[in-house]
PDB file of N, CA and C in Angstrom:
ATOM      1  N   MET A   1      76.156  26.782 -62.284  1.00  0.00           N
ATOM      2  CA  MET A   1      75.612  25.443 -62.107  1.00  0.00           C
ATOM      3  C   MET A   1      74.502  25.215 -63.126  1.00  0.00           C
ATOM      4  N   THR A   2      74.476  24.028 -63.693  1.00  0.00           N
ATOM      5  CA  THR A   2      73.460  23.638 -64.656  1.00  0.00           C
ATOM      6  C   THR A   2      72.131  23.429 -63.940  1.00  0.00           C
ATOM      7  N   GLU A   3      71.060  23.825 -64.583  1.00  0.00           N
ATOM      8  CA  GLU A   3      69.733  23.595 -64.035  1.00  0.00           C
ATOM      9  C   GLU A   3      69.492  22.095 -63.877  1.00  0.00           C
ATOM     10  N   GLN A   4      68.860  21.714 -62.781  1.00  0.00           N
ATOM     11  CA  GLN A   4      68.561  20.305 -62.547  1.00  0.00           C
ATOM     12  C   GLN A   4      67.556  19.819 -63.574  1.00  0.00           C
ATOM     13  N   ARG A   5      67.825  18.651 -64.163  1.00  0.00           N
ATOM     14  CA  ARG A   5      66.958  18.061 -65.180  1.00  0.00           C
ATOM     15  C   ARG A   5      66.450  16.715 -64.693  1.00  0.00           C
ATOM     16  N   ARG A   6      65.300  16.313 -65.212  1.00  0.00           N
ATOM     17  CA  ARG A   6      64.790  14.948 -65.014  1.00  0.00           C
ATOM     18  C   ARG A   6      65.237  14.157 -66.248  1.00  0.00           C
ATOM     19  N   ILE A   7      66.132  13.196 -66.025  1.00  0.00           N
ATOM     20  CA  ILE A   7      66.790  12.505 -67.134  1.00  0.00           C
ATOM     21  C   ILE A   7      66.482  11.008 -67.098  1.00  0.00           C
ATOM     22  N   LEU A   8      66.034  10.507 -68.239  1.00  0.00           N
ATOM     23  CA  LEU A   8      65.788   9.085 -68.423  1.00  0.00           C
ATOM     24  C   LEU A   8      66.953   8.510 -69.223  1.00  0.00           C
ATOM     25  N   ILE A   9      67.561   7.460 -68.713  1.00  0.00           N
ATOM     26  CA  ILE A   9      68.682   6.805 -69.390  1.00  0.00           C
ATOM     27  C   ILE A   9      68.187   5.470 -69.899  1.00  0.00           C
ATOM     28  N   VAL A  10      68.229   5.285 -71.233  1.00  0.00           N
ATOM     29  CA  VAL A  10      67.750   4.057 -71.869  1.00  0.00           C
ATOM     30  C   VAL A  10      68.948   3.392 -72.532  1.00  0.00           C
ATOM     31  N   ASP A  11      69.438   2.332 -71.900  1.00  0.00           N
ATOM     32  CA  ASP A  11      70.614   1.634 -72.411  1.00  0.00           C
ATOM     33  C   ASP A  11      70.559   0.195 -71.921  1.00  0.00           C
ATOM     34  N   ASP A  12      70.985  -0.739 -72.772  1.00  0.00           N
ATOM     35  CA  ASP A  12      70.964  -2.146 -72.381  1.00  0.00           C
ATOM     36  C   ASP A  12      72.229  -2.577 -71.635  1.00  0.00           C
ATOM     37  N   ASP A  13      73.137  -1.645 -71.381  1.00  0.00           N
ATOM     38  CA  ASP A  13      74.347  -1.918 -70.617  1.00  0.00           C
ATOM     39  C   ASP A  13      74.149  -1.357 -69.202  1.00  0.00           C
ATOM     40  N   PRO A  14      73.820  -2.225 -68.239  1.00  0.00           N
ATOM     41  CA  PRO A  14      73.514  -1.722 -66.886  1.00  0.00           C
ATOM     42  C   PRO A  14      74.683  -1.019 -66.218  1.00  0.00           C
ATOM     43  N   GLU A  15      75.891  -1.450 -66.488  1.00  0.00           N
ATOM     44  CA  GLU A  15      77.052  -0.803 -65.872  1.00  0.00           C
ATOM     45  C   GLU A  15      77.213   0.624 -66.395  1.00  0.00           C
ATOM     46  N   LEU A  16      77.111   0.792 -67.704  1.00  0.00           N
ATOM     47  CA  LEU A  16      77.223   2.123 -68.296  1.00  0.00           C
ATOM     48  C   LEU A  16      76.081   3.022 -67.820  1.00  0.00           C
ATOM     49  N   SER A  17      74.868   2.489 -67.796  1.00  0.00           N
ATOM     50  CA  SER A  17      73.719   3.272 -67.323  1.00  0.00           C
ATOM     51  C   SER A  17      73.936   3.768 -65.905  1.00  0.00           C
ATOM     52  N   SER A  18      74.471   2.900 -65.072  1.00  0.00           N
ATOM     53  CA  SER A  18      74.723   3.255 -63.678  1.00  0.00           C
ATOM     54  C   SER A  18      75.771   4.355 -63.569  1.00  0.00           C
ATOM     55  N   VAL A  19      76.832   4.259 -64.370  1.00  0.00           N
ATOM     56  CA  VAL A  19      77.882   5.282 -64.348  1.00  0.00           C
ATOM     57  C   VAL A  19      77.319   6.624 -64.818  1.00  0.00           C
ATOM     58  N   ILE A  20      76.530   6.604 -65.901  1.00  0.00           N
ATOM     59  CA  ILE A  20      75.929   7.846 -66.408  1.00  0.00           C
ATOM     60  C   ILE A  20      75.014   8.456 -65.352  1.00  0.00           C
ATOM     61  N   ALA A  21      74.164   7.633 -64.743  1.00  0.00           N
ATOM     62  CA  ALA A  21      73.242   8.129 -63.720  1.00  0.00           C
ATOM     63  C   ALA A  21      74.002   8.717 -62.529  1.00  0.00           C
ATOM     64  N   GLU A  22      75.085   8.071 -62.125  1.00  0.00           N
ATOM     65  CA  GLU A  22      75.878   8.571 -61.001  1.00  0.00           C
ATOM     66  C   GLU A  22      76.542   9.903 -61.349  1.00  0.00           C
ATOM     67  N   CYS A  23      77.138   9.981 -62.542  1.00  0.00           N
ATOM     68  CA  CYS A  23      77.801  11.229 -62.963  1.00  0.00           C
ATOM     69  C   CYS A  23      76.808  12.390 -63.021  1.00  0.00           C
ATOM     70  N   LEU A  24      75.635  12.132 -63.573  1.00  0.00           N
ATOM     71  CA  LEU A  24      74.633  13.192 -63.682  1.00  0.00           C
ATOM     72  C   LEU A  24      73.990  13.494 -62.335  1.00  0.00           C
ATOM     73  N   GLY A  25      73.792  12.459 -61.531  1.00  0.00           N
ATOM     74  CA  GLY A  25      73.246  12.658 -60.189  1.00  0.00           C
ATOM     75  C   GLY A  25      74.163  13.504 -59.321  1.00  0.00           C
ATOM     76  N   ASP A  26      75.478  13.329 -59.508  1.00  0.00           N
ATOM     77  CA  ASP A  26      76.453  14.140 -58.764  1.00  0.00           C
ATOM     78  C   ASP A  26      76.325  15.624 -59.089  1.00  0.00           C
ATOM     79  N   LYS A  27      75.770  15.942 -60.239  1.00  0.00           N
ATOM     80  CA  LYS A  27      75.548  17.341 -60.646  1.00  0.00           C
ATOM     81  C   LYS A  27      74.147  17.824 -60.272  1.00  0.00           C
ATOM     82  N   GLY A  28      73.388  16.986 -59.550  1.00  0.00           N
ATOM     83  CA  GLY A  28      72.077  17.400 -59.069  1.00  0.00           C
ATOM     84  C   GLY A  28      70.901  16.985 -59.929  1.00  0.00           C
ATOM     85  N   HIS A  29      71.156  16.226 -60.993  1.00  0.00           N
ATOM     86  CA  HIS A  29      70.062  15.796 -61.860  1.00  0.00           C
ATOM     87  C   HIS A  29      69.345  14.591 -61.260  1.00  0.00           C
ATOM     88  N   ASP A  30      68.057  14.490 -61.553  1.00  0.00           N
ATOM     89  CA  ASP A  30      67.230  13.375 -61.110  1.00  0.00           C
ATOM     90  C   ASP A  30      67.185  12.365 -62.255  1.00  0.00           C
ATOM     91  N   CYS A  31      67.822  11.204 -62.073  1.00  0.00           N
ATOM     92  CA  CYS A  31      67.946  10.220 -63.153  1.00  0.00           C
ATOM     93  C   CYS A  31      67.157   8.951 -62.858  1.00  0.00           C
ATOM     94  N   ARG A  32      66.562   8.408 -63.906  1.00  0.00           N
ATOM     95  CA  ARG A  32      65.945   7.084 -63.874  1.00  0.00           C
ATOM     96  C   ARG A  32      66.569   6.283 -65.000  1.00  0.00           C
ATOM     97  N   VAL A  33      66.782   5.004 -64.735  1.00  0.00           N
ATOM     98  CA  VAL A  33      67.401   4.121 -65.713  1.00  0.00           C
ATOM     99  C   VAL A  33      66.416   3.027 -66.094  1.00  0.00           C
ATOM    100  N   ILE A  34      66.293   2.791 -67.399  1.00  0.00           N
ATOM    101  CA  ILE A  34      65.565   1.612 -67.870  1.00  0.00           C
ATOM    102  C   ILE A  34      66.494   0.861 -68.814  1.00  0.00           C
ATOM    103  N   ASP A  35      66.320  -0.450 -68.866  1.00  0.00           N
ATOM    104  CA  ASP A  35      67.297  -1.291 -69.553  1.00  0.00           C
ATOM    105  C   ASP A  35      67.162  -1.351 -71.071  1.00  0.00           C
ATOM    106  N   GLY A  36      66.102  -0.801 -71.632  1.00  0.00           N
ATOM    107  CA  GLY A  36      65.947  -0.822 -73.074  1.00  0.00           C
ATOM    108  C   GLY A  36      65.464  -2.147 -73.619  1.00  0.00           C
ATOM    109  N   LEU A  37      65.225  -3.126 -72.753  1.00  0.00           N
ATOM    110  CA  LEU A  37      64.743  -4.416 -73.234  1.00  0.00           C
ATOM    111  C   LEU A  37      63.265  -4.357 -73.600  1.00  0.00           C
ATOM    112  N   GLU A  38      62.544  -3.484 -72.972  1.00  0.00           N
ATOM    113  CA  GLU A  38      61.138  -3.246 -73.270  1.00  0.00           C
ATOM    114  C   GLU A  38      60.922  -1.747 -73.411  1.00  0.00           C
ATOM    115  N   ALA A  39      59.846  -1.375 -74.051  1.00  0.00           N
ATOM    116  CA  ALA A  39      59.532   0.051 -74.202  1.00  0.00           C
ATOM    117  C   ALA A  39      59.255   0.653 -72.826  1.00  0.00           C
ATOM    118  N   PRO A  40      59.695   1.887 -72.613  1.00  0.00           N
ATOM    119  CA  PRO A  40      59.412   2.527 -71.328  1.00  0.00           C
ATOM    120  C   PRO A  40      57.928   2.831 -71.182  1.00  0.00           C
ATOM    121  N   ASP A  41      57.488   2.823 -69.963  1.00  0.00           N
ATOM    122  CA  ASP A  41      56.125   3.214 -69.643  1.00  0.00           C
ATOM    123  C   ASP A  41      55.929   4.651 -70.135  1.00  0.00           C
ATOM    124  N   PRO A  42      54.832   4.926 -70.836  1.00  0.00           N
ATOM    125  CA  PRO A  42      54.609   6.298 -71.316  1.00  0.00           C
ATOM    126  C   PRO A  42      54.661   7.344 -70.209  1.00  0.00           C
ATOM    127  N   GLU A  43      54.280   6.998 -68.992  1.00  0.00           N
ATOM    128  CA  GLU A  43      54.337   7.956 -67.884  1.00  0.00           C
ATOM    129  C   GLU A  43      55.783   8.310 -67.529  1.00  0.00           C
ATOM    130  N   VAL A  44      56.688   7.338 -67.629  1.00  0.00           N
ATOM    131  CA  VAL A  44      58.103   7.609 -67.380  1.00  0.00           C
ATOM    132  C   VAL A  44      58.646   8.494 -68.498  1.00  0.00           C
ATOM    133  N   TRP A  45      58.226   8.239 -69.731  1.00  0.00           N
ATOM    134  CA  TRP A  45      58.640   9.050 -70.873  1.00  0.00           C
ATOM    135  C   TRP A  45      58.177  10.491 -70.685  1.00  0.00           C
ATOM    136  N   LYS A  46      56.936  10.668 -70.215  1.00  0.00           N
ATOM    137  CA  LYS A  46      56.402  12.020 -69.958  1.00  0.00           C
ATOM    138  C   LYS A  46      57.162  12.706 -68.825  1.00  0.00           C
ATOM    139  N   TRP A  47      57.564  11.932 -67.814  1.00  0.00           N
ATOM    140  CA  TRP A  47      58.284  12.476 -66.656  1.00  0.00           C
ATOM    141  C   TRP A  47      59.599  13.128 -67.075  1.00  0.00           C
ATOM    142  N   ALA A  48      60.275  12.508 -68.043  1.00  0.00           N
ATOM    143  CA  ALA A  48      61.623  12.946 -68.421  1.00  0.00           C
ATOM    144  C   ALA A  48      61.595  14.242 -69.223  1.00  0.00           C
ATOM    145  N   GLU A  49      62.521  15.115 -68.892  1.00  0.00           N
ATOM    146  CA  GLU A  49      62.760  16.312 -69.701  1.00  0.00           C
ATOM    147  C   GLU A  49      63.802  16.025 -70.771  1.00  0.00           C
ATOM    148  N   LEU A  50      64.645  15.043 -70.487  1.00  0.00           N
ATOM    149  CA  LEU A  50      65.740  14.677 -71.365  1.00  0.00           C
ATOM    150  C   LEU A  50      65.910  13.168 -71.300  1.00  0.00           C
ATOM    151  N   ALA A  51      66.113  12.533 -72.451  1.00  0.00           N
ATOM    152  CA  ALA A  51      66.372  11.090 -72.487  1.00  0.00           C
ATOM    153  C   ALA A  51      67.696  10.846 -73.191  1.00  0.00           C
ATOM    154  N   ILE A  52      68.533  10.043 -72.564  1.00  0.00           N
ATOM    155  CA  ILE A  52      69.776   9.598 -73.181  1.00  0.00           C
ATOM    156  C   ILE A  52      69.495   8.207 -73.715  1.00  0.00           C
ATOM    157  N   LEU A  53      69.513   8.077 -75.037  1.00  0.00           N
ATOM    158  CA  LEU A  53      69.050   6.863 -75.697  1.00  0.00           C
ATOM    159  C   LEU A  53      70.170   6.195 -76.476  1.00  0.00           C
ATOM    160  N   ASP A  54      70.457   4.953 -76.108  1.00  0.00           N
ATOM    161  CA  ASP A  54      71.412   4.140 -76.849  1.00  0.00           C
ATOM    162  C   ASP A  54      70.761   3.726 -78.169  1.00  0.00           C
ATOM    163  N   LEU A  55      71.493   3.843 -79.267  1.00  0.00           N
ATOM    164  CA  LEU A  55      70.935   3.489 -80.577  1.00  0.00           C
ATOM    165  C   LEU A  55      70.861   1.986 -80.813  1.00  0.00           C
ATOM    166  N   ARG A  56      71.705   1.243 -80.160  1.00  0.00           N
ATOM    167  CA  ARG A  56      71.779  -0.204 -80.405  1.00  0.00           C
ATOM    168  C   ARG A  56      71.291  -0.969 -79.175  1.00  0.00           C
ATOM    169  N   LEU A  57      70.001  -0.982 -78.985  1.00  0.00           N
ATOM    170  CA  LEU A  57      69.421  -1.699 -77.859  1.00  0.00           C
ATOM    171  C   LEU A  57      69.288  -3.179 -78.212  1.00  0.00           C
ATOM    172  N   ALA A  58      69.567  -4.043 -77.258  1.00  0.00           N
ATOM    173  CA  ALA A  58      69.543  -5.480 -77.502  1.00  0.00           C
ATOM    174  C   ALA A  58      68.165  -6.098 -77.285  1.00  0.00           C
ATOM    175  N   GLY A  59      67.216  -5.321 -76.845  1.00  0.00           N
ATOM    176  CA  GLY A  59      65.907  -5.869 -76.503  1.00  0.00           C
ATOM    177  C   GLY A  59      64.957  -5.957 -77.676  1.00  0.00           C
ATOM    178  N   ARG A  60      63.709  -5.911 -77.352  1.00  0.00           N
ATOM    179  CA  ARG A  60      62.631  -6.059 -78.328  1.00  0.00           C
ATOM    180  C   ARG A  60      62.572  -4.884 -79.305  1.00  0.00           C
ATOM    181  N   TYR A  61      62.974  -3.730 -78.853  1.00  0.00           N
ATOM    182  CA  TYR A  61      62.898  -2.517 -79.671  1.00  0.00           C
ATOM    183  C   TYR A  61      64.287  -1.970 -79.950  1.00  0.00           C
ATOM    184  N   ASP A  62      64.539  -1.573 -81.204  1.00  0.00           N
ATOM    185  CA  ASP A  62      65.729  -0.769 -81.443  1.00  0.00           C
ATOM    186  C   ASP A  62      65.316   0.680 -81.191  1.00  0.00           C
ATOM    187  N   SER A  63      66.264   1.587 -81.236  1.00  0.00           N
ATOM    188  CA  SER A  63      65.953   2.972 -80.866  1.00  0.00           C
ATOM    189  C   SER A  63      64.921   3.606 -81.800  1.00  0.00           C
ATOM    190  N   THR A  64      64.985   3.304 -83.089  1.00  0.00           N
ATOM    191  CA  THR A  64      64.021   3.891 -84.034  1.00  0.00           C
ATOM    192  C   THR A  64      62.621   3.381 -83.755  1.00  0.00           C
ATOM    193  N   ALA A  65      62.481   2.082 -83.537  1.00  0.00           N
ATOM    194  CA  ALA A  65      61.166   1.512 -83.223  1.00  0.00           C
ATOM    195  C   ALA A  65      60.634   2.079 -81.911  1.00  0.00           C
ATOM    196  N   LEU A  66      61.518   2.256 -80.953  1.00  0.00           N
ATOM    197  CA  LEU A  66      61.128   2.824 -79.665  1.00  0.00           C
ATOM    198  C   LEU A  66      60.616   4.254 -79.839  1.00  0.00           C
ATOM    199  N   LEU A  67      61.319   5.050 -80.632  1.00  0.00           N
ATOM    200  CA  LEU A  67      60.887   6.435 -80.865  1.00  0.00           C
ATOM    201  C   LEU A  67      59.558   6.470 -81.622  1.00  0.00           C
ATOM    202  N   ARG A  68      59.374   5.577 -82.585  1.00  0.00           N
ATOM    203  CA  ARG A  68      58.085   5.526 -83.301  1.00  0.00           C
ATOM    204  C   ARG A  68      56.948   5.191 -82.347  1.00  0.00           C
ATOM    205  N   LEU A  69      57.209   4.266 -81.441  1.00  0.00           N
ATOM    206  CA  LEU A  69      56.201   3.864 -80.473  1.00  0.00           C
ATOM    207  C   LEU A  69      55.833   5.016 -79.541  1.00  0.00           C
ATOM    208  N   LEU A  70      56.822   5.850 -79.193  1.00  0.00           N
ATOM    209  CA  LEU A  70      56.621   6.891 -78.189  1.00  0.00           C
ATOM    210  C   LEU A  70      56.422   8.290 -78.774  1.00  0.00           C
ATOM    211  N   GLU A  71      56.421   8.400 -80.114  1.00  0.00           N
ATOM    212  CA  GLU A  71      56.349   9.744 -80.704  1.00  0.00           C
ATOM    213  C   GLU A  71      55.052  10.472 -80.373  1.00  0.00           C
ATOM    214  N   ALA A  72      53.974   9.757 -80.106  1.00  0.00           N
ATOM    215  CA  ALA A  72      52.700  10.401 -79.801  1.00  0.00           C
ATOM    216  C   ALA A  72      52.579  10.803 -78.333  1.00  0.00           C
ATOM    217  N   VAL A  73      53.505  10.341 -77.498  1.00  0.00           N
ATOM    218  CA  VAL A  73      53.449  10.663 -76.068  1.00  0.00           C
ATOM    219  C   VAL A  73      53.937  12.098 -75.878  1.00  0.00           C
ATOM    220  N   ALA A  74      53.122  12.886 -75.246  1.00  0.00           N
ATOM    221  CA  ALA A  74      53.494  14.286 -75.018  1.00  0.00           C
ATOM    222  C   ALA A  74      53.391  14.597 -73.530  1.00  0.00           C
ATOM    223  N   PRO A  75      54.264  15.403 -73.026  1.00  0.00           N
ATOM    224  CA  PRO A  75      55.379  16.025 -73.731  1.00  0.00           C
ATOM    225  C   PRO A  75      56.515  15.022 -73.923  1.00  0.00           C
ATOM    226  N   ALA A  76      57.192  15.128 -75.044  1.00  0.00           N
ATOM    227  CA  ALA A  76      58.330  14.257 -75.341  1.00  0.00           C
ATOM    228  C   ALA A  76      59.600  14.892 -74.795  1.00  0.00           C
ATOM    229  N   PRO A  77      60.481  14.078 -74.244  1.00  0.00           N
ATOM    230  CA  PRO A  77      61.751  14.638 -73.775  1.00  0.00           C
ATOM    231  C   PRO A  77      62.661  14.987 -74.948  1.00  0.00           C
ATOM    232  N   GLU A  78      63.565  15.907 -74.705  1.00  0.00           N
ATOM    233  CA  GLU A  78      64.642  16.137 -75.657  1.00  0.00           C
ATOM    234  C   GLU A  78      65.547  14.910 -75.606  1.00  0.00           C
ATOM    235  N   LEU A  79      66.339  14.695 -76.656  1.00  0.00           N
ATOM    236  CA  LEU A  79      67.156  13.492 -76.736  1.00  0.00           C
ATOM    237  C   LEU A  79      68.645  13.797 -76.807  1.00  0.00           C
ATOM    238  N   ILE A  80      69.402  12.910 -76.195  1.00  0.00           N
ATOM    239  CA  ILE A  80      70.826  12.772 -76.453  1.00  0.00           C
ATOM    240  C   ILE A  80      70.974  11.338 -76.931  1.00  0.00           C
ATOM    241  N   LEU A  81      71.426  11.156 -78.164  1.00  0.00           N
ATOM    242  CA  LEU A  81      71.628   9.827 -78.717  1.00  0.00           C
ATOM    243  C   LEU A  81      73.055   9.390 -78.432  1.00  0.00           C
ATOM    244  N   SER A  82      73.235   8.090 -78.170  1.00  0.00           N
ATOM    245  CA  SER A  82      74.580   7.585 -77.923  1.00  0.00           C
ATOM    246  C   SER A  82      74.739   6.233 -78.599  1.00  0.00           C
ATOM    247  N   SER A  83      75.951   5.974 -79.065  1.00  0.00           N
ATOM    248  CA  SER A  83      76.224   4.693 -79.706  1.00  0.00           C
ATOM    249  C   SER A  83      77.720   4.552 -79.953  1.00  0.00           C
ATOM    250  N   GLY A  84      78.146   3.325 -80.091  1.00  0.00           N
ATOM    251  CA  GLY A  84      79.519   3.046 -80.467  1.00  0.00           C
ATOM    252  C   GLY A  84      79.704   3.002 -81.970  1.00  0.00           C
ATOM    253  N   CYS A  85      78.648   3.266 -82.716  1.00  0.00           N
ATOM    254  CA  CYS A  85      78.721   3.211 -84.177  1.00  0.00           C
ATOM    255  C   CYS A  85      79.418   4.448 -84.741  1.00  0.00           C
ATOM    256  N   ASP A  86      79.597   4.463 -86.044  1.00  0.00           N
ATOM    257  CA  ASP A  86      80.324   5.561 -86.685  1.00  0.00           C
ATOM    258  C   ASP A  86      79.493   6.841 -86.726  1.00  0.00           C
ATOM    259  N   SER A  87      80.160   7.947 -87.027  1.00  0.00           N
ATOM    260  CA  SER A  87      79.500   9.252 -87.003  1.00  0.00           C
ATOM    261  C   SER A  87      78.405   9.377 -88.066  1.00  0.00           C
ATOM    262  N   ASP A  88      78.554   8.711 -89.213  1.00  0.00           N
ATOM    263  CA  ASP A  88      77.496   8.747 -90.234  1.00  0.00           C
ATOM    264  C   ASP A  88      76.204   8.134 -89.708  1.00  0.00           C
ATOM    265  N   THR A  89      76.327   7.033 -88.978  1.00  0.00           N
ATOM    266  CA  THR A  89      75.149   6.385 -88.394  1.00  0.00           C
ATOM    267  C   THR A  89      74.510   7.289 -87.350  1.00  0.00           C
ATOM    268  N   LEU A  90      75.329   7.939 -86.535  1.00  0.00           N
ATOM    269  CA  LEU A  90      74.796   8.870 -85.541  1.00  0.00           C
ATOM    270  C   LEU A  90      74.055  10.028 -86.213  1.00  0.00           C
ATOM    271  N   GLU A  91      74.623  10.563 -87.280  1.00  0.00           N
ATOM    272  CA  GLU A  91      73.967  11.656 -88.005  1.00  0.00           C
ATOM    273  C   GLU A  91      72.657  11.198 -88.630  1.00  0.00           C
ATOM    274  N   SER A  92      72.652   9.999 -89.202  1.00  0.00           N
ATOM    275  CA  SER A  92      71.435   9.454 -89.806  1.00  0.00           C
ATOM    276  C   SER A  92      70.358   9.246 -88.743  1.00  0.00           C
ATOM    277  N   ALA A  93      70.739   8.726 -87.594  1.00  0.00           N
ATOM    278  CA  ALA A  93      69.785   8.514 -86.496  1.00  0.00           C
ATOM    279  C   ALA A  93      69.244   9.840 -85.981  1.00  0.00           C
ATOM    280  N   THR A  94      70.098  10.848 -85.930  1.00  0.00           N
ATOM    281  CA  THR A  94      69.663  12.179 -85.498  1.00  0.00           C
ATOM    282  C   THR A  94      68.599  12.717 -86.446  1.00  0.00           C
ATOM    283  N   ARG A  95      68.850  12.608 -87.739  1.00  0.00           N
ATOM    284  CA  ARG A  95      67.869  13.084 -88.726  1.00  0.00           C
ATOM    285  C   ARG A  95      66.556  12.305 -88.621  1.00  0.00           C
ATOM    286  N   ALA A  96      66.641  10.994 -88.418  1.00  0.00           N
ATOM    287  CA  ALA A  96      65.428  10.172 -88.297  1.00  0.00           C
ATOM    288  C   ALA A  96      64.614  10.593 -87.071  1.00  0.00           C
ATOM    289  N   ALA A  97      65.282  10.823 -85.949  1.00  0.00           N
ATOM    290  CA  ALA A  97      64.576  11.251 -84.732  1.00  0.00           C
ATOM    291  C   ALA A  97      63.938  12.622 -84.935  1.00  0.00           C
ATOM    292  N   GLU A  98      64.649  13.516 -85.594  1.00  0.00           N
ATOM    293  CA  GLU A  98      64.102  14.859 -85.851  1.00  0.00           C
ATOM    294  C   GLU A  98      62.906  14.791 -86.801  1.00  0.00           C
ATOM    295  N   ARG A  99      62.936  13.891 -87.781  1.00  0.00           N
ATOM    296  CA  ARG A  99      61.778  13.722 -88.672  1.00  0.00           C
ATOM    297  C   ARG A  99      60.549  13.250 -87.902  1.00  0.00           C
ATOM    298  N   LEU A 100      60.770  12.510 -86.824  1.00  0.00           N
ATOM    299  CA  LEU A 100      59.662  12.057 -85.980  1.00  0.00           C
ATOM    300  C   LEU A 100      59.182  13.146 -85.021  1.00  0.00           C
ATOM    301  N   GLY A 101      59.856  14.290 -85.032  1.00  0.00           N
ATOM    302  CA  GLY A 101      59.430  15.413 -84.202  1.00  0.00           C
ATOM    303  C   GLY A 101      60.196  15.596 -82.908  1.00  0.00           C
ATOM    304  N   PHE A 102      61.237  14.800 -82.691  1.00  0.00           N
ATOM    305  CA  PHE A 102      62.033  14.921 -81.478  1.00  0.00           C
ATOM    306  C   PHE A 102      63.113  15.981 -81.647  1.00  0.00           C
ATOM    307  N   THR A 103      63.465  16.625 -80.541  1.00  0.00           N
ATOM    308  CA  THR A 103      64.596  17.553 -80.520  1.00  0.00           C
ATOM    309  C   THR A 103      65.807  16.779 -80.036  1.00  0.00           C
ATOM    310  N   VAL A 104      66.823  16.717 -80.878  1.00  0.00           N
ATOM    311  CA  VAL A 104      68.058  16.015 -80.525  1.00  0.00           C
ATOM    312  C   VAL A 104      69.100  17.054 -80.146  1.00  0.00           C
ATOM    313  N   ARG A 105      69.531  17.035 -78.899  1.00  0.00           N
ATOM    314  CA  ARG A 105      70.510  17.996 -78.393  1.00  0.00           C
ATOM    315  C   ARG A 105      71.941  17.595 -78.688  1.00  0.00           C
ATOM    316  N   ALA A 106      72.189  16.277 -78.810  1.00  0.00           N
ATOM    317  CA  ALA A 106      73.544  15.815 -79.086  1.00  0.00           C
ATOM    318  C   ALA A 106      73.497  14.361 -79.532  1.00  0.00           C
ATOM    319  N   ALA A 107      74.547  13.963 -80.238  1.00  0.00           N
ATOM    320  CA  ALA A 107      74.760  12.565 -80.603  1.00  0.00           C
ATOM    321  C   ALA A 107      76.194  12.242 -80.184  1.00  0.00           C
ATOM    322  N   LEU A 108      76.322  11.386 -79.182  1.00  0.00           N
ATOM    323  CA  LEU A 108      77.620  11.098 -78.583  1.00  0.00           C
ATOM    324  C   LEU A 108      78.099   9.712 -78.986  1.00  0.00           C
ATOM    325  N   ARG A 109      79.319   9.654 -79.491  1.00  0.00           N
ATOM    326  CA  ARG A 109      79.908   8.370 -79.864  1.00  0.00           C
ATOM    327  C   ARG A 109      80.602   7.771 -78.646  1.00  0.00           C
ATOM    328  N   LYS A 110      80.212   6.536 -78.309  1.00  0.00           N
ATOM    329  CA  LYS A 110      80.816   5.831 -77.171  1.00  0.00           C
ATOM    330  C   LYS A 110      82.200   5.334 -77.561  1.00  0.00           C
ATOM    331  N   PRO A 111      83.121   5.335 -76.642  1.00  0.00           N
ATOM    332  CA  PRO A 111      83.015   5.920 -75.308  1.00  0.00           C
ATOM    333  C   PRO A 111      83.175   7.443 -75.399  1.00  0.00           C
ATOM    334  N   PHE A 112      82.385   8.150 -74.636  1.00  0.00           N
ATOM    335  CA  PHE A 112      82.464   9.611 -74.654  1.00  0.00           C
ATOM    336  C   PHE A 112      82.947  10.111 -73.300  1.00  0.00           C
ATOM    337  N   PRO A 113      83.668  11.235 -73.312  1.00  0.00           N
ATOM    338  CA  PRO A 113      84.136  11.806 -72.043  1.00  0.00           C
ATOM    339  C   PRO A 113      82.962  12.362 -71.238  1.00  0.00           C
ATOM    340  N   VAL A 114      83.058  12.260 -69.946  1.00  0.00           N
ATOM    341  CA  VAL A 114      82.010  12.773 -69.063  1.00  0.00           C
ATOM    342  C   VAL A 114      81.772  14.260 -69.315  1.00  0.00           C
ATOM    343  N   ALA A 115      82.825  14.992 -69.624  1.00  0.00           N
ATOM    344  CA  ALA A 115      82.675  16.433 -69.895  1.00  0.00           C
ATOM    345  C   ALA A 115      81.752  16.680 -71.098  1.00  0.00           C
ATOM    346  N   ARG A 116      81.828  15.817 -72.119  1.00  0.00           N
ATOM    347  CA  ARG A 116      80.935  15.973 -73.283  1.00  0.00           C
ATOM    348  C   ARG A 116      79.486  15.685 -72.888  1.00  0.00           C
ATOM    349  N   LEU A 117      79.294  14.697 -72.024  1.00  0.00           N
ATOM    350  CA  LEU A 117      77.948  14.389 -71.549  1.00  0.00           C
ATOM    351  C   LEU A 117      77.376  15.575 -70.782  1.00  0.00           C
ATOM    352  N   HIS A 118      78.164  16.122 -69.867  1.00  0.00           N
ATOM    353  CA  HIS A 118      77.700  17.280 -69.096  1.00  0.00           C
ATOM    354  C   HIS A 118      77.399  18.473 -70.008  1.00  0.00           C
ATOM    355  N   ALA A 119      78.231  18.695 -71.013  1.00  0.00           N
ATOM    356  CA  ALA A 119      77.995  19.793 -71.947  1.00  0.00           C
ATOM    357  C   ALA A 119      76.703  19.572 -72.730  1.00  0.00           C
ATOM    358  N   ALA A 120      76.454  18.340 -73.146  1.00  0.00           N
ATOM    359  CA  ALA A 120      75.214  18.047 -73.888  1.00  0.00           C
ATOM    360  C   ALA A 120      73.988  18.260 -73.009  1.00  0.00           C
ATOM    361  N   VAL A 121      74.048  17.842 -71.762  1.00  0.00           N
ATOM    362  CA  VAL A 121      72.943  18.029 -70.824  1.00  0.00           C
ATOM    363  C   VAL A 121      72.714  19.526 -70.586  1.00  0.00           C
ATOM    364  N   ALA A 122      73.788  20.272 -70.502  1.00  0.00           N
ATOM    365  CA  ALA A 122      73.685  21.721 -70.247  1.00  0.00           C
ATOM    366  C   ALA A 122      73.006  22.455 -71.392  1.00  0.00           C
ATOM    367  N   THR A 123      73.055  21.923 -72.615  1.00  0.00           N
ATOM    368  CA  THR A 123      72.419  22.588 -73.760  1.00  0.00           C
ATOM    369  C   THR A 123      70.939  22.297 -73.843  1.00  0.00           C
ATOM    370  N   SER A 124      70.452  21.335 -73.059  1.00  0.00           N
ATOM    371  CA  SER A 124      69.025  21.012 -73.092  1.00  0.00           C
ATOM    372  C   SER A 124      68.229  22.068 -72.330  1.00  0.00           C
ATOM    373  N   HIS A 125      66.973  22.176 -72.668  1.00  0.00           N
ATOM    374  CA  HIS A 125      66.112  23.184 -72.010  1.00  0.00           C
ATOM    375  C   HIS A 125      65.256  22.478 -71.028  1.00  0.00           C
TER     376      HIS A 125
END
């Protein structure tokens, strides 16, 4: 069994966020969902051990701006990046997040199988 994680899901698609939270909750993880329309409260960011972050947020912040805003908040959660964009964009976003000091455990192209999500969560510390 995978160790229980505190996971923050940041996505502007409420249906997808709910499905991800349910799938991870079924495995014993404690999940919180925020819609990505506004920056998360720094206390929620600190609470999370792992954040699943959509790269294409429709709100005030895109994922890069959000990470820049939160890079000084410690401790920072490890990241799983997700997007429907191409693999080059995912790789570029991964490098950008790592340059900001974040640990990126996976970059998942939507739609992704639940098994890949569980595997990515299992690799986080």
